[in-house]
Amino acid sequence: MSLQADFDRATEDVKKLKTRPKDEELKEIYGLYKQAVIGDIDIACPALLDVKGRAKWEAWSFQKGLSKEDAMSAYISKAKELIEKYGI
């Protein structure tokens, strides 16, 4: 399968996890997803009071500079790790 097909399957599988992953795991997979789909972050940091938005922004910003292909590969690896840990 192609990298894109593996990535697409991993994104669907992550949605089927039996248990909600820890917040740190969710932030990591979110940042990798955004980097793989969009690339480097291109929006301003949310206001300090927007805790959820700021956490998402920081997770994506942490992946800045990673190529889309490397982000897809890292997402697939993290998805496999989460699937092994939480099951689908």
PDB file of N, CA and C in Angstrom:
ATOM      1  N   MET A   1       0.833  -1.189   0.000  1.00  0.00           N
ATOM      2  CA  MET A   1       0.000   0.000   0.000  1.00  0.00           C
ATOM      3  C   MET A   1       0.878   1.255   0.000  1.00  0.00           C
ATOM      4  N   SER A   2       0.325   2.329  -0.468  1.00  0.00           N
ATOM      5  CA  SER A   2       1.057   3.587  -0.481  1.00  0.00           C
ATOM      6  C   SER A   2       1.030   4.227   0.905  1.00  0.00           C
ATOM      7  N   LEU A   3       1.925   5.163   1.095  1.00  0.00           N
ATOM      8  CA  LEU A   3       1.979   5.878   2.367  1.00  0.00           C
ATOM      9  C   LEU A   3       0.651   6.578   2.645  1.00  0.00           C
ATOM     10  N   GLN A   4       0.074   7.204   1.616  1.00  0.00           N
ATOM     11  CA  GLN A   4      -1.202   7.908   1.781  1.00  0.00           C
ATOM     12  C   GLN A   4      -2.317   6.932   2.179  1.00  0.00           C
ATOM     13  N   ALA A   5      -2.348   5.770   1.565  1.00  0.00           N
ATOM     14  CA  ALA A   5      -3.379   4.776   1.892  1.00  0.00           C
ATOM     15  C   ALA A   5      -3.205   4.270   3.328  1.00  0.00           C
ATOM     16  N   ASP A   6      -1.963   4.026   3.727  1.00  0.00           N
ATOM     17  CA  ASP A   6      -1.698   3.594   5.105  1.00  0.00           C
ATOM     18  C   ASP A   6      -2.105   4.678   6.102  1.00  0.00           C
ATOM     19  N   PHE A   7      -1.816   5.934   5.741  1.00  0.00           N
ATOM     20  CA  PHE A   7      -2.184   7.059   6.596  1.00  0.00           C
ATOM     21  C   PHE A   7      -3.701   7.166   6.732  1.00  0.00           C
ATOM     22  N   ASP A   8      -4.388   7.063   5.605  1.00  0.00           N
ATOM     23  CA  ASP A   8      -5.858   7.141   5.622  1.00  0.00           C
ATOM     24  C   ASP A   8      -6.462   6.037   6.480  1.00  0.00           C
ATOM     25  N   ARG A   9      -5.917   4.832   6.363  1.00  0.00           N
ATOM     26  CA  ARG A   9      -6.424   3.713   7.168  1.00  0.00           C
ATOM     27  C   ARG A   9      -6.139   3.953   8.652  1.00  0.00           C
ATOM     28  N   ALA A  10      -4.946   4.468   8.952  1.00  0.00           N
ATOM     29  CA  ALA A  10      -4.595   4.734  10.349  1.00  0.00           C
ATOM     30  C   ALA A  10      -5.513   5.793  10.955  1.00  0.00           C
ATOM     31  N   THR A  11      -5.863   6.819  10.174  1.00  0.00           N
ATOM     32  CA  THR A  11      -6.760   7.855  10.707  1.00  0.00           C
ATOM     33  C   THR A  11      -8.133   7.273  11.026  1.00  0.00           C
ATOM     34  N   GLU A  12      -8.594   6.360  10.210  1.00  0.00           N
ATOM     35  CA  GLU A  12      -9.887   5.706  10.477  1.00  0.00           C
ATOM     36  C   GLU A  12      -9.791   4.782  11.687  1.00  0.00           C
ATOM     37  N   ASP A  13      -8.694   4.038  11.798  1.00  0.00           N
ATOM     38  CA  ASP A  13      -8.532   3.103  12.916  1.00  0.00           C
ATOM     39  C   ASP A  13      -8.450   3.833  14.256  1.00  0.00           C
ATOM     40  N   VAL A  14      -7.795   4.987  14.289  1.00  0.00           N
ATOM     41  CA  VAL A  14      -7.665   5.749  15.533  1.00  0.00           C
ATOM     42  C   VAL A  14      -9.042   6.179  16.040  1.00  0.00           C
ATOM     43  N   LYS A  15      -9.949   6.445  15.152  1.00  0.00           N
ATOM     44  CA  LYS A  15     -11.308   6.847  15.543  1.00  0.00           C
ATOM     45  C   LYS A  15     -12.064   5.709  16.217  1.00  0.00           C
ATOM     46  N   LYS A  16     -11.599   4.471  16.036  1.00  0.00           N
ATOM     47  CA  LYS A  16     -12.298   3.290  16.558  1.00  0.00           C
ATOM     48  C   LYS A  16     -11.703   2.763  17.863  1.00  0.00           C
ATOM     49  N   LEU A  17     -10.767   3.472  18.461  1.00  0.00           N
ATOM     50  CA  LEU A  17     -10.141   2.983  19.692  1.00  0.00           C
ATOM     51  C   LEU A  17     -11.198   2.723  20.764  1.00  0.00           C
ATOM     52  N   LYS A  18     -11.029   1.632  21.508  1.00  0.00           N
ATOM     53  CA  LYS A  18     -11.999   1.252  22.538  1.00  0.00           C
ATOM     54  C   LYS A  18     -11.983   2.208  23.721  1.00  0.00           C
ATOM     55  N   THR A  19     -10.810   2.751  24.036  1.00  0.00           N
ATOM     56  CA  THR A  19     -10.649   3.646  25.172  1.00  0.00           C
ATOM     57  C   THR A  19     -10.031   4.950  24.691  1.00  0.00           C
ATOM     58  N   ARG A  20     -10.439   6.046  25.286  1.00  0.00           N
ATOM     59  CA  ARG A  20      -9.880   7.346  24.930  1.00  0.00           C
ATOM     60  C   ARG A  20      -8.425   7.414  25.406  1.00  0.00           C
ATOM     61  N   PRO A  21      -7.502   7.743  24.508  1.00  0.00           N
ATOM     62  CA  PRO A  21      -6.096   7.875  24.914  1.00  0.00           C
ATOM     63  C   PRO A  21      -5.890   9.036  25.887  1.00  0.00           C
ATOM     64  N   LYS A  22      -4.736   9.042  26.531  1.00  0.00           N
ATOM     65  CA  LYS A  22      -4.390  10.125  27.448  1.00  0.00           C
ATOM     66  C   LYS A  22      -4.245  11.418  26.648  1.00  0.00           C
ATOM     67  N   ASP A  23      -4.406  12.544  27.334  1.00  0.00           N
ATOM     68  CA  ASP A  23      -4.334  13.848  26.676  1.00  0.00           C
ATOM     69  C   ASP A  23      -3.023  14.048  25.922  1.00  0.00           C
ATOM     70  N   GLU A  24      -1.908  13.634  26.505  1.00  0.00           N
ATOM     71  CA  GLU A  24      -0.608  13.809  25.842  1.00  0.00           C
ATOM     72  C   GLU A  24      -0.546  13.008  24.540  1.00  0.00           C
ATOM     73  N   GLU A  25      -1.124  11.817  24.552  1.00  0.00           N
ATOM     74  CA  GLU A  25      -1.157  10.989  23.340  1.00  0.00           C
ATOM     75  C   GLU A  25      -2.043  11.627  22.275  1.00  0.00           C
ATOM     76  N   LEU A  26      -3.177  12.165  22.717  1.00  0.00           N
ATOM     77  CA  LEU A  26      -4.085  12.835  21.778  1.00  0.00           C
ATOM     78  C   LEU A  26      -3.427  14.056  21.152  1.00  0.00           C
ATOM     79  N   LYS A  27      -2.716  14.836  21.960  1.00  0.00           N
ATOM     80  CA  LYS A  27      -2.048  16.024  21.431  1.00  0.00           C
ATOM     81  C   LYS A  27      -0.977  15.637  20.420  1.00  0.00           C
ATOM     82  N   GLU A  28      -0.234  14.573  20.717  1.00  0.00           N
ATOM     83  CA  GLU A  28       0.810  14.144  19.783  1.00  0.00           C
ATOM     84  C   GLU A  28       0.209  13.702  18.452  1.00  0.00           C
ATOM     85  N   ILE A  29      -0.818  12.877  18.507  1.00  0.00           N
ATOM     86  CA  ILE A  29      -1.415  12.370  17.266  1.00  0.00           C
ATOM     87  C   ILE A  29      -2.105  13.509  16.507  1.00  0.00           C
ATOM     88  N   TYR A  30      -2.686  14.463  17.218  1.00  0.00           N
ATOM     89  CA  TYR A  30      -3.307  15.625  16.579  1.00  0.00           C
ATOM     90  C   TYR A  30      -2.254  16.450  15.832  1.00  0.00           C
ATOM     91  N   GLY A  31      -1.139  16.732  16.496  1.00  0.00           N
ATOM     92  CA  GLY A  31      -0.080  17.512  15.873  1.00  0.00           C
ATOM     93  C   GLY A  31       0.477  16.838  14.634  1.00  0.00           C
ATOM     94  N   LEU A  32       0.664  15.533  14.707  1.00  0.00           N
ATOM     95  CA  LEU A  32       1.160  14.782  13.549  1.00  0.00           C
ATOM     96  C   LEU A  32       0.144  14.797  12.413  1.00  0.00           C
ATOM     97  N   TYR A  33      -1.128  14.664  12.751  1.00  0.00           N
ATOM     98  CA  TYR A  33      -2.172  14.677  11.726  1.00  0.00           C
ATOM     99  C   TYR A  33      -2.185  16.018  10.991  1.00  0.00           C
ATOM    100  N   LYS A  34      -2.215  17.109  11.747  1.00  0.00           N
ATOM    101  CA  LYS A  34      -2.255  18.430  11.132  1.00  0.00           C
ATOM    102  C   LYS A  34      -1.013  18.683  10.275  1.00  0.00           C
ATOM    103  N   GLN A  35       0.145  18.242  10.751  1.00  0.00           N
ATOM    104  CA  GLN A  35       1.380  18.435   9.993  1.00  0.00           C
ATOM    105  C   GLN A  35       1.339  17.616   8.705  1.00  0.00           C
ATOM    106  N   ALA A  36       0.786  16.414   8.764  1.00  0.00           N
ATOM    107  CA  ALA A  36       0.708  15.539   7.590  1.00  0.00           C
ATOM    108  C   ALA A  36      -0.282  16.077   6.562  1.00  0.00           C
ATOM    109  N   VAL A  37      -1.383  16.640   7.016  1.00  0.00           N
ATOM    110  CA  VAL A  37      -2.440  17.091   6.107  1.00  0.00           C
ATOM    111  C   VAL A  37      -2.193  18.512   5.595  1.00  0.00           C
ATOM    112  N   ILE A  38      -1.780  19.406   6.473  1.00  0.00           N
ATOM    113  CA  ILE A  38      -1.647  20.817   6.105  1.00  0.00           C
ATOM    114  C   ILE A  38      -0.196  21.252   5.945  1.00  0.00           C
ATOM    115  N   GLY A  39       0.677  20.731   6.786  1.00  0.00           N
ATOM    116  CA  GLY A  39       2.070  21.180   6.787  1.00  0.00           C
ATOM    117  C   GLY A  39       2.313  22.083   7.979  1.00  0.00           C
ATOM    118  N   ASP A  40       3.340  22.936   7.874  1.00  0.00           N
ATOM    119  CA  ASP A  40       3.683  23.813   8.993  1.00  0.00           C
ATOM    120  C   ASP A  40       2.506  24.696   9.397  1.00  0.00           C
ATOM    121  N   ILE A  41       2.411  24.912  10.688  1.00  0.00           N
ATOM    122  CA  ILE A  41       1.322  25.709  11.247  1.00  0.00           C
ATOM    123  C   ILE A  41       1.320  27.104  10.628  1.00  0.00           C
ATOM    124  N   ASP A  42       0.121  27.570  10.302  1.00  0.00           N
ATOM    125  CA  ASP A  42      -0.005  28.843   9.607  1.00  0.00           C
ATOM    126  C   ASP A  42      -1.045  29.767  10.247  1.00  0.00           C
ATOM    127  N   ILE A  43      -1.330  29.521  11.512  1.00  0.00           N
ATOM    128  CA  ILE A  43      -2.300  30.357  12.222  1.00  0.00           C
ATOM    129  C   ILE A  43      -1.654  30.905  13.492  1.00  0.00           C
ATOM    130  N   ALA A  44      -2.190  32.010  13.973  1.00  0.00           N
ATOM    131  CA  ALA A  44      -1.681  32.628  15.196  1.00  0.00           C
ATOM    132  C   ALA A  44      -2.077  31.803  16.413  1.00  0.00           C
ATOM    133  N   CYS A  45      -1.279  31.904  17.436  1.00  0.00           N
ATOM    134  CA  CYS A  45      -1.558  31.202  18.692  1.00  0.00           C
ATOM    135  C   CYS A  45      -2.841  31.750  19.308  1.00  0.00           C
ATOM    136  N   PRO A  46      -3.754  30.860  19.735  1.00  0.00           N
ATOM    137  CA  PRO A  46      -4.999  31.318  20.370  1.00  0.00           C
ATOM    138  C   PRO A  46      -4.731  32.062  21.680  1.00  0.00           C
ATOM    139  N   ALA A  47      -5.731  32.786  22.133  1.00  0.00           N
ATOM    140  CA  ALA A  47      -5.633  33.541  23.384  1.00  0.00           C
ATOM    141  C   ALA A  47      -5.347  32.607  24.557  1.00  0.00           C
ATOM    142  N   LEU A  48      -4.764  33.161  25.569  1.00  0.00           N
ATOM    143  CA  LEU A  48      -4.380  32.395  26.758  1.00  0.00           C
ATOM    144  C   LEU A  48      -5.562  31.683  27.408  1.00  0.00           C
ATOM    145  N   LEU A  49      -6.743  32.280  27.330  1.00  0.00           N
ATOM    146  CA  LEU A  49      -7.922  31.684  27.969  1.00  0.00           C
ATOM    147  C   LEU A  49      -8.513  30.526  27.167  1.00  0.00           C
ATOM    148  N   ASP A  50      -8.120  30.393  25.921  1.00  0.00           N
ATOM    149  CA  ASP A  50      -8.582  29.276  25.085  1.00  0.00           C
ATOM    150  C   ASP A  50      -7.635  28.090  25.306  1.00  0.00           C
ATOM    151  N   VAL A  51      -7.835  27.407  26.416  1.00  0.00           N
ATOM    152  CA  VAL A  51      -6.916  26.350  26.838  1.00  0.00           C
ATOM    153  C   VAL A  51      -6.858  25.217  25.816  1.00  0.00           C
ATOM    154  N   LYS A  52      -8.006  24.752  25.354  1.00  0.00           N
ATOM    155  CA  LYS A  52      -8.045  23.645  24.395  1.00  0.00           C
ATOM    156  C   LYS A  52      -7.403  24.063  23.063  1.00  0.00           C
ATOM    157  N   GLY A  53      -7.782  25.228  22.574  1.00  0.00           N
ATOM    158  CA  GLY A  53      -7.217  25.719  21.320  1.00  0.00           C
ATOM    159  C   GLY A  53      -5.717  25.914  21.410  1.00  0.00           C
ATOM    160  N   ARG A  54      -5.264  26.413  22.538  1.00  0.00           N
ATOM    161  CA  ARG A  54      -3.829  26.634  22.736  1.00  0.00           C
ATOM    162  C   ARG A  54      -3.076  25.300  22.780  1.00  0.00           C
ATOM    163  N   ALA A  55      -3.649  24.293  23.435  1.00  0.00           N
ATOM    164  CA  ALA A  55      -3.009  22.970  23.511  1.00  0.00           C
ATOM    165  C   ALA A  55      -2.898  22.359  22.117  1.00  0.00           C
ATOM    166  N   LYS A  56      -3.942  22.506  21.316  1.00  0.00           N
ATOM    167  CA  LYS A  56      -3.908  21.994  19.943  1.00  0.00           C
ATOM    168  C   LYS A  56      -2.859  22.743  19.120  1.00  0.00           C
ATOM    169  N   TRP A  57      -2.826  24.069  19.276  1.00  0.00           N
ATOM    170  CA  TRP A  57      -1.864  24.881  18.542  1.00  0.00           C
ATOM    171  C   TRP A  57      -0.441  24.469  18.900  1.00  0.00           C
ATOM    172  N   GLU A  58      -0.176  24.279  20.195  1.00  0.00           N
ATOM    173  CA  GLU A  58       1.163  23.883  20.642  1.00  0.00           C
ATOM    174  C   GLU A  58       1.542  22.500  20.117  1.00  0.00           C
ATOM    175  N   ALA A  59       0.576  21.578  20.088  1.00  0.00           N
ATOM    176  CA  ALA A  59       0.848  20.230  19.578  1.00  0.00           C
ATOM    177  C   ALA A  59       1.235  20.271  18.104  1.00  0.00           C
ATOM    178  N   TRP A  60       0.535  21.089  17.335  1.00  0.00           N
ATOM    179  CA  TRP A  60       0.832  21.222  15.910  1.00  0.00           C
ATOM    180  C   TRP A  60       2.145  21.975  15.712  1.00  0.00           C
ATOM    181  N   SER A  61       2.347  23.041  16.457  1.00  0.00           N
ATOM    182  CA  SER A  61       3.554  23.852  16.355  1.00  0.00           C
ATOM    183  C   SER A  61       4.804  23.028  16.671  1.00  0.00           C
ATOM    184  N   PHE A  62       4.673  22.073  17.576  1.00  0.00           N
ATOM    185  CA  PHE A  62       5.796  21.203  17.965  1.00  0.00           C
ATOM    186  C   PHE A  62       6.298  20.387  16.774  1.00  0.00           C
ATOM    187  N   GLN A  63       5.433  20.123  15.808  1.00  0.00           N
ATOM    188  CA  GLN A  63       5.788  19.308  14.638  1.00  0.00           C
ATOM    189  C   GLN A  63       6.336  20.154  13.486  1.00  0.00           C
ATOM    190  N   LYS A  64       6.406  21.464  13.674  1.00  0.00           N
ATOM    191  CA  LYS A  64       6.842  22.383  12.611  1.00  0.00           C
ATOM    192  C   LYS A  64       8.203  21.953  12.055  1.00  0.00           C
ATOM    193  N   GLY A  65       8.311  21.976  10.731  1.00  0.00           N
ATOM    194  CA  GLY A  65       9.556  21.608  10.066  1.00  0.00           C
ATOM    195  C   GLY A  65       9.581  20.166   9.596  1.00  0.00           C
ATOM    196  N   LEU A  66       8.688  19.338  10.121  1.00  0.00           N
ATOM    197  CA  LEU A  66       8.596  17.934   9.719  1.00  0.00           C
ATOM    198  C   LEU A  66       7.897  17.869   8.362  1.00  0.00           C
ATOM    199  N   SER A  67       8.460  17.122   7.425  1.00  0.00           N
ATOM    200  CA  SER A  67       7.820  17.015   6.113  1.00  0.00           C
ATOM    201  C   SER A  67       6.487  16.287   6.244  1.00  0.00           C
ATOM    202  N   LYS A  68       5.610  16.490   5.272  1.00  0.00           N
ATOM    203  CA  LYS A  68       4.309  15.823   5.312  1.00  0.00           C
ATOM    204  C   LYS A  68       4.481  14.302   5.316  1.00  0.00           C
ATOM    205  N   GLU A  69       5.425  13.806   4.528  1.00  0.00           N
ATOM    206  CA  GLU A  69       5.656  12.355   4.461  1.00  0.00           C
ATOM    207  C   GLU A  69       6.167  11.815   5.794  1.00  0.00           C
ATOM    208  N   ASP A  70       7.115  12.524   6.419  1.00  0.00           N
ATOM    209  CA  ASP A  70       7.628  12.088   7.719  1.00  0.00           C
ATOM    210  C   ASP A  70       6.529  12.151   8.783  1.00  0.00           C
ATOM    211  N   ALA A  71       5.677  13.172   8.689  1.00  0.00           N
ATOM    212  CA  ALA A  71       4.562  13.284   9.640  1.00  0.00           C
ATOM    213  C   ALA A  71       3.582  12.130   9.449  1.00  0.00           C
ATOM    214  N   MET A  72       3.318  11.753   8.195  1.00  0.00           N
ATOM    215  CA  MET A  72       2.434  10.613   7.932  1.00  0.00           C
ATOM    216  C   MET A  72       3.024   9.339   8.521  1.00  0.00           C
ATOM    217  N   SER A  73       4.307   9.118   8.302  1.00  0.00           N
ATOM    218  CA  SER A  73       4.965   7.921   8.835  1.00  0.00           C
ATOM    219  C   SER A  73       4.916   7.898  10.357  1.00  0.00           C
ATOM    220  N   ALA A  74       5.194   9.045  10.972  1.00  0.00           N
ATOM    221  CA  ALA A  74       5.158   9.127  12.431  1.00  0.00           C
ATOM    222  C   ALA A  74       3.742   8.916  12.953  1.00  0.00           C
ATOM    223  N   TYR A  75       2.740   9.442  12.235  1.00  0.00           N
ATOM    224  CA  TYR A  75       1.337   9.261  12.620  1.00  0.00           C
ATOM    225  C   TYR A  75       0.977   7.778  12.565  1.00  0.00           C
ATOM    226  N   ILE A  76       1.368   7.108  11.506  1.00  0.00           N
ATOM    227  CA  ILE A  76       1.073   5.677  11.355  1.00  0.00           C
ATOM    228  C   ILE A  76       1.694   4.889  12.501  1.00  0.00           C
ATOM    229  N   SER A  77       2.940   5.202  12.837  1.00  0.00           N
ATOM    230  CA  SER A  77       3.618   4.508  13.946  1.00  0.00           C
ATOM    231  C   SER A  77       2.901   4.754  15.269  1.00  0.00           C
ATOM    232  N   LYS A  78       2.530   6.013  15.517  1.00  0.00           N
ATOM    233  CA  LYS A  78       1.831   6.347  16.763  1.00  0.00           C
ATOM    234  C   LYS A  78       0.462   5.686  16.796  1.00  0.00           C
ATOM    235  N   ALA A  79      -0.232   5.658  15.657  1.00  0.00           N
ATOM    236  CA  ALA A  79      -1.546   5.015  15.592  1.00  0.00           C
ATOM    237  C   ALA A  79      -1.426   3.530  15.931  1.00  0.00           C
ATOM    238  N   LYS A  80      -0.413   2.860  15.388  1.00  0.00           N
ATOM    239  CA  LYS A  80      -0.204   1.435  15.688  1.00  0.00           C
ATOM    240  C   LYS A  80       0.050   1.234  17.177  1.00  0.00           C
ATOM    241  N   GLU A  81       0.838   2.141  17.759  1.00  0.00           N
ATOM    242  CA  GLU A  81       1.124   2.067  19.190  1.00  0.00           C
ATOM    243  C   GLU A  81      -0.163   2.210  20.013  1.00  0.00           C
ATOM    244  N   LEU A  82      -1.005   3.164  19.639  1.00  0.00           N
ATOM    245  CA  LEU A  82      -2.271   3.376  20.350  1.00  0.00           C
ATOM    246  C   LEU A  82      -3.223   2.202  20.170  1.00  0.00           C
ATOM    247  N   ILE A  83      -3.254   1.630  18.977  1.00  0.00           N
ATOM    248  CA  ILE A  83      -4.119   0.483  18.714  1.00  0.00           C
ATOM    249  C   ILE A  83      -3.682  -0.712  19.550  1.00  0.00           C
ATOM    250  N   GLU A  84      -2.372  -0.925  19.657  1.00  0.00           N
ATOM    251  CA  GLU A  84      -1.871  -2.024  20.497  1.00  0.00           C
ATOM    252  C   GLU A  84      -2.218  -1.777  21.969  1.00  0.00           C
ATOM    253  N   LYS A  85      -2.139  -0.534  22.388  1.00  0.00           N
ATOM    254  CA  LYS A  85      -2.382  -0.188  23.801  1.00  0.00           C
ATOM    255  C   LYS A  85      -3.858  -0.200  24.174  1.00  0.00           C
ATOM    256  N   TYR A  86      -4.725   0.340  23.289  1.00  0.00           N
ATOM    257  CA  TYR A  86      -6.137   0.511  23.618  1.00  0.00           C
ATOM    258  C   TYR A  86      -7.086  -0.401  22.860  1.00  0.00           C
ATOM    259  N   GLY A  87      -6.642  -0.981  21.757  1.00  0.00           N
ATOM    260  CA  GLY A  87      -7.478  -1.877  20.974  1.00  0.00           C
ATOM    261  C   GLY A  87      -8.523  -1.129  20.163  1.00  0.00           C
ATOM    262  N   ILE A  88      -9.017  -1.830  19.108  1.00  0.00           N
ATOM    263  CA  ILE A  88     -10.091  -1.249  18.290  1.00  0.00           C
ATOM    264  C   ILE A  88     -11.231  -2.248  18.176  1.00  0.00           C
TER     265      ILE A  88
END
